[in-house]
Protein backbone atom coordinates (compact mmCIF):
# COMPACT_ATOMS: atom_id res chain seq x y z
CA UNK A 1 0.00 0.00 0.00
CA UNK A 2 1.13 3.54 -0.76
CA UNK A 3 1.71 5.36 2.57
CA UNK A 4 0.42 8.66 1.19
CA UNK A 5 -0.98 9.82 4.53
CA UNK A 6 2.33 9.17 6.28
CA UNK A 7 4.17 11.15 3.60
CA UNK A 8 1.82 14.10 4.07
CA UNK A 9 2.29 13.97 7.84
CA UNK A 10 6.06 13.93 7.44
CA UNK A 11 5.84 16.91 5.07
CA UNK A 12 3.84 18.92 7.58
CA UNK A 13 6.32 18.04 10.34
CA UNK A 14 9.19 19.24 8.16
CA UNK A 15 7.38 22.50 7.54
CA UNK A 16 6.88 22.93 11.28
CA UNK A 17 10.53 22.17 12.05
CA UNK A 18 12.15 24.32 9.34
CA UNK A 19 9.54 26.99 8.57
CA UNK A 20 8.26 27.93 12.00
CA UNK A 21 9.61 31.50 11.75
CA UNK A 22 7.96 32.06 8.38
CA UNK A 23 4.60 30.72 9.56
CA UNK A 24 4.80 32.83 12.71
CA UNK A 25 5.42 35.93 10.60
CA UNK A 26 2.55 35.14 8.24
CA UNK A 27 0.27 34.36 11.16
CA UNK A 28 1.18 37.59 12.92
CA UNK A 29 0.51 39.64 9.78
CA UNK A 30 -2.87 38.00 9.16
CA UNK A 31 -3.80 38.30 12.85
CA UNK A 32 -3.01 42.01 12.88
CA UNK A 33 -4.91 42.70 9.65
CA UNK A 34 -7.97 40.66 10.65
CA UNK A 35 -7.93 42.11 14.15
CA UNK A 36 -8.01 45.67 12.81
CA UNK A 37 -10.88 44.84 10.46
CA UNK A 38 -12.85 43.15 13.24
CA UNK A 39 -12.29 46.08 15.62
CA UNK A 40 -13.47 48.50 12.94
CA UNK A 41 -16.63 46.53 12.20
CA UNK A 42 -17.46 46.21 15.90
CA UNK A 43 -16.78 49.91 16.56
CA UNK A 44 -19.32 51.17 14.00
CA UNK A 45 -22.76 51.64 15.63
CA UNK A 46 -25.37 49.16 14.47
CA UNK A 47 -27.80 51.88 13.39
CA UNK A 48 -25.15 53.42 11.13
CA UNK A 49 -24.40 50.06 9.51
CA UNK A 50 -28.10 49.44 8.93
CA UNK A 51 -28.61 52.86 7.33
CA UNK A 52 -25.53 52.46 5.13
CA UNK A 53 -26.37 48.97 3.89
CA UNK A 54 -30.03 49.87 3.29
CA UNK A 55 -28.97 52.93 1.28
CA UNK A 56 -26.53 50.80 -0.72
CA UNK A 57 -29.25 48.23 -1.40
CA UNK A 58 -31.70 50.87 -2.62
CA UNK A 59 -29.03 52.47 -4.83
CA UNK A 60 -27.76 49.26 -6.37
CA UNK A 61 -31.05 47.38 -6.70
CA UNK A 62 -34.50 48.58 -5.62
CA UNK A 63 -36.38 49.99 -2.65
CA UNK A 64 -37.90 46.54 -2.10
CA UNK A 65 -34.45 45.10 -1.58
CA UNK A 66 -33.63 48.00 0.74
CA UNK A 67 -36.70 47.08 2.79
CA UNK A 68 -35.56 43.44 2.86
CA UNK A 69 -32.11 44.53 4.06
CA UNK A 70 -33.64 46.67 6.80
CA UNK A 71 -35.88 43.86 8.05
CA UNK A 72 -33.04 41.31 7.85
CA UNK A 73 -30.55 43.43 9.79
CA UNK A 74 -33.18 44.32 12.38
CA UNK A 75 -33.93 40.61 12.87
CA UNK A 76 -30.21 39.96 13.42
CA UNK A 77 -30.03 42.92 15.81
CA UNK A 78 -33.13 41.98 17.82
CA UNK A 79 -32.20 38.30 18.17
CA UNK A 80 -28.88 39.31 19.73
CA UNK A 81 -26.51 38.10 17.01
CA UNK A 82 -25.23 41.50 15.84
CA UNK A 83 -21.71 41.26 17.28
CA UNK A 84 -21.29 37.69 16.04
CA UNK A 85 -22.48 38.77 12.59
CA UNK A 86 -19.96 41.63 12.50
CA UNK A 87 -17.18 39.22 13.50
CA UNK A 88 -18.26 36.83 10.74
CA UNK A 89 -18.40 39.69 8.24
CA UNK A 90 -14.89 40.77 9.27
CA UNK A 91 -13.60 37.22 8.74
CA UNK A 92 -15.26 37.04 5.32
CA UNK A 93 -13.86 40.44 4.35
CA UNK A 94 -10.34 39.51 5.47
CA UNK A 95 -10.38 36.15 3.65
CA UNK A 96 -11.93 37.67 0.51
CA UNK A 97 -9.41 40.51 0.45
CA UNK A 98 -6.47 38.09 0.63
CA UNK A 99 -8.11 35.84 -1.98
CA UNK A 100 -8.49 38.77 -4.39
CA UNK A 101 -4.97 40.09 -3.80
CA UNK A 102 -3.56 36.67 -4.72
CA UNK A 103 -6.27 35.37 -7.08
CA UNK A 104 -6.77 38.27 -9.51
CA UNK A 105 -3.06 38.57 -10.50
CA UNK A 106 -2.88 34.78 -10.73
CA UNK A 107 -5.92 34.77 -13.03
CA UNK A 108 -4.31 37.43 -15.22
CA UNK A 109 -1.14 35.34 -15.51
CA UNK A 110 -3.21 32.24 -16.36
CA UNK A 111 -5.05 34.18 -19.07
CA UNK A 112 -1.80 35.25 -20.68
CA UNK A 113 0.07 31.95 -20.50
CA UNK A 114 -1.44 28.62 -21.52
CA UNK A 115 1.50 26.78 -19.94
CA UNK A 116 0.97 28.38 -16.54
CA UNK A 117 -2.78 27.87 -16.89
CA UNK A 118 -2.22 24.16 -17.53
CA UNK A 119 -0.11 23.95 -14.37
CA UNK A 120 -2.46 25.96 -12.18
CA UNK A 121 -5.75 24.33 -13.25
CA UNK A 122 -5.15 20.97 -11.46
CA UNK A 123 -4.17 22.86 -8.32
CA UNK A 124 -7.41 24.85 -8.48
CA UNK A 125 -9.36 21.62 -9.01
CA UNK A 126 -7.72 20.17 -5.91
CA UNK A 127 -8.41 23.30 -3.84
CA UNK A 128 -12.05 23.45 -4.92
CA UNK A 129 -12.97 19.78 -4.52
CA UNK A 130 -11.10 18.79 -1.36
CA UNK A 131 -13.58 18.62 1.57
CA UNK A 132 -13.52 21.90 3.47
CA UNK A 133 -12.87 20.23 6.83
CA UNK A 134 -9.56 18.85 5.59
CA UNK A 135 -8.04 22.33 5.23
CA UNK A 136 -8.52 22.99 8.91
CA UNK A 137 -6.11 20.22 9.98
CA UNK A 138 -2.85 21.55 8.45
CA UNK A 139 -3.93 25.15 9.09
CA UNK A 140 -4.36 24.43 12.80
CA UNK A 141 -1.06 22.52 12.95
CA UNK A 142 0.88 25.31 11.23
CA UNK A 143 -0.79 28.36 12.80
CA UNK A 144 -2.42 27.08 15.99
CA UNK A 145 -6.03 27.74 16.95
CA UNK A 146 -7.88 31.01 16.36
CA UNK A 147 -8.95 33.13 13.45
CA UNK A 148 -5.63 32.92 11.56
CA UNK A 149 -5.95 29.23 10.56
CA UNK A 150 -9.65 29.83 9.87
CA UNK A 151 -8.92 32.74 7.52
CA UNK A 152 -6.07 30.99 5.70
CA UNK A 153 -8.07 27.78 5.26
CA UNK A 154 -10.90 29.95 3.91
CA UNK A 155 -8.54 31.61 1.45
CA UNK A 156 -7.45 28.24 0.07
CA UNK A 157 -11.05 27.07 -0.24
CA UNK A 158 -12.54 30.31 -1.65
CA UNK A 159 -9.84 31.55 -4.05
CA UNK A 160 -10.34 29.24 -7.10
CA UNK A 161 -13.50 30.96 -8.48
CA UNK A 162 -11.88 34.37 -8.77
CA UNK A 163 -8.78 32.88 -10.43
CA UNK A 164 -10.85 30.91 -12.94
CA UNK A 165 -13.28 33.69 -13.79
CA UNK A 166 -10.61 36.38 -14.03
CA UNK A 167 -8.73 34.24 -16.54
CA UNK A 168 -11.95 33.42 -18.40
CA UNK A 169 -13.04 37.06 -18.58
CA UNK A 170 -9.72 38.25 -19.99
CA UNK A 171 -9.57 35.41 -22.53
CA UNK A 172 -13.08 36.29 -23.72
CA UNK A 173 -12.15 39.88 -24.58
CA UNK A 174 -12.66 40.39 -28.31
CA UNK A 175 -9.42 40.20 -30.29
CA UNK A 176 -10.43 43.27 -32.31
CA UNK A 177 -10.69 45.34 -29.15
CA UNK A 178 -7.24 44.22 -28.06
CA UNK A 179 -5.83 45.07 -31.51
CA UNK A 180 -7.49 48.49 -31.38
CA UNK A 181 -5.78 49.19 -28.06
CA UNK A 182 -2.44 48.10 -29.47
CA UNK A 183 -3.01 50.30 -32.53
CA UNK A 184 -3.45 53.32 -30.26
CA UNK A 185 -0.06 52.56 -28.69
CA UNK A 186 -1.12 50.95 -25.42
CA UNK A 187 1.61 49.28 -23.44
CA UNK A 188 0.97 45.80 -22.06
CA UNK A 189 -0.07 47.24 -18.69
CA UNK A 190 -2.29 49.92 -20.28
CA UNK A 191 -3.93 47.29 -22.47
CA UNK A 192 -4.70 45.22 -19.39
CA UNK A 193 -5.87 48.12 -17.22
CA UNK A 194 -7.83 50.15 -19.78
CA UNK A 195 -9.14 47.52 -22.19
CA UNK A 196 -9.13 43.94 -20.91
CA UNK A 197 -10.09 44.40 -17.25
CA UNK A 198 -12.99 46.84 -17.88
CA UNK A 199 -14.48 44.54 -20.53
CA UNK A 200 -13.93 41.47 -18.34
CA UNK A 201 -15.38 43.17 -15.24
CA UNK A 202 -18.80 41.40 -15.29
CA UNK A 203 -17.11 37.98 -15.33
CA UNK A 204 -14.55 39.09 -12.75
CA UNK A 205 -17.34 40.33 -10.46
CA UNK A 206 -19.05 36.96 -10.80
CA UNK A 207 -15.81 35.44 -9.50
CA UNK A 208 -15.76 37.91 -6.59
CA UNK A 209 -19.37 36.99 -5.81
CA UNK A 210 -18.60 33.27 -5.73
CA UNK A 211 -15.48 33.83 -3.64
CA UNK A 212 -17.49 35.77 -1.05
CA UNK A 213 -20.15 33.07 -0.89
CA UNK A 214 -17.58 30.29 -0.50
CA UNK A 215 -15.69 32.33 2.10
CA UNK A 216 -18.88 32.76 4.13
CA UNK A 217 -19.61 29.04 4.06
CA UNK A 218 -16.03 28.17 5.05
CA UNK A 219 -15.87 30.78 7.83
CA UNK A 220 -18.79 29.04 9.54
CA UNK A 221 -16.95 25.70 9.36
CA UNK A 222 -13.76 27.39 10.60
CA UNK A 223 -15.39 27.84 14.00
CA UNK A 224 -14.08 24.32 14.69
CA UNK A 225 -10.59 25.82 15.04
CA UNK A 226 -11.72 28.85 17.01
CA UNK A 227 -12.30 31.39 14.22
CA UNK A 228 -15.29 32.87 16.04
CA UNK A 229 -18.40 34.60 14.79
CA UNK A 230 -21.72 32.97 13.97
CA UNK A 231 -19.96 29.65 13.45
CA UNK A 232 -19.43 29.38 17.20
CA UNK A 233 -23.18 29.55 17.77
CA UNK A 234 -23.87 27.02 15.01
CA UNK A 235 -21.28 24.67 16.51
CA UNK A 236 -22.66 25.18 20.02
CA UNK A 237 -26.17 24.37 18.82
CA UNK A 238 -24.92 21.08 17.38
CA UNK A 239 -23.01 20.16 20.52
CA UNK A 240 -25.98 20.95 22.79
CA UNK A 241 -28.66 19.77 20.34
CA UNK A 242 -30.24 23.22 20.74
CA UNK A 243 -32.61 23.57 17.77
CA UNK A 244 -33.60 27.13 18.67
CA UNK A 245 -30.01 28.40 18.81
CA UNK A 246 -29.23 26.58 15.57
CA UNK A 247 -32.21 28.16 13.83
CA UNK A 248 -31.43 31.69 15.03
CA UNK A 249 -27.72 31.55 14.19
CA UNK A 250 -28.40 29.77 10.90
CA UNK A 251 -30.99 32.40 9.96
CA UNK A 252 -28.43 35.15 10.60
CA UNK A 253 -25.99 33.35 8.27
CA UNK A 254 -28.66 32.99 5.56
CA UNK A 255 -29.73 36.64 5.74
CA UNK A 256 -26.11 37.82 5.62
CA UNK A 257 -25.41 35.55 2.65
CA UNK A 258 -28.43 36.86 0.70
CA UNK A 259 -27.46 40.48 1.29
CA UNK A 260 -23.84 39.92 0.26
CA UNK A 261 -24.85 37.87 -2.77
CA UNK A 262 -27.34 40.40 -4.15
CA UNK A 263 -25.10 43.41 -3.57
CA UNK A 264 -21.97 41.93 -5.16
CA UNK A 265 -24.02 40.50 -8.03
CA UNK A 266 -25.46 43.94 -8.77
CA UNK A 267 -22.04 45.43 -9.52
CA UNK A 268 -21.55 43.04 -12.44
CA UNK A 269 -25.18 43.21 -13.62
CA UNK A 270 -25.13 46.99 -14.05
CA UNK A 271 -22.08 46.78 -16.27
CA UNK A 272 -23.74 44.17 -18.44
CA UNK A 273 -26.59 46.61 -19.11
CA UNK A 274 -24.23 49.41 -20.09
């Protein structure tokens, strides 16, 4: 039999023995960034957040959606899950930000090089299809318990859509439009920034939307390693067989997911109309 599991365990031990300083530095950086985001989200008064998100919903979509946002956020506020929701939102924002910082440039590189795309595609398949719980094991071993392993495991799980759809959007840009940009003397960077990315924006925004949704689902699972937020309440409801707590915390997750989904989707939809 092939001792694949033993080989993986030995690889993780080697990383721990020889890369501890690097992982500590990465963990400290992620902890500081996520901590600042969480503190900011918790510092903003709930009424101000509700007004801002309702106004954004009305502007981007319709007054009916603004009413839905108001009712949803008030339900979260009244049921006592506001702080947990803000912590969850901060975790999602942190993981999504890191995913975009890494994923968008990687998607651009994949769009421009078929060789790199052929190398990256199996890795993305692996990242996207591996059960989410599995990512928590090496993340916890390398970074300990807390939000850092939760965020980094979420990044690994949620990044593939934005890489794939960024590459797809750039490859789908009409060749005539690229040639027109080159004819006007665009450099490679100008061609990317002024021609390819604006045209590919609807597809890229679809990738951002999917990354946010996958990050939200993974952040809830990451409560198993102490990430915090609404996932803690979901996990507690399972451990105590508390149906009421599970329903309330699960409803907060669902309402947050719908709001994030519709808002991020609207940014791509408007560009399709124009």
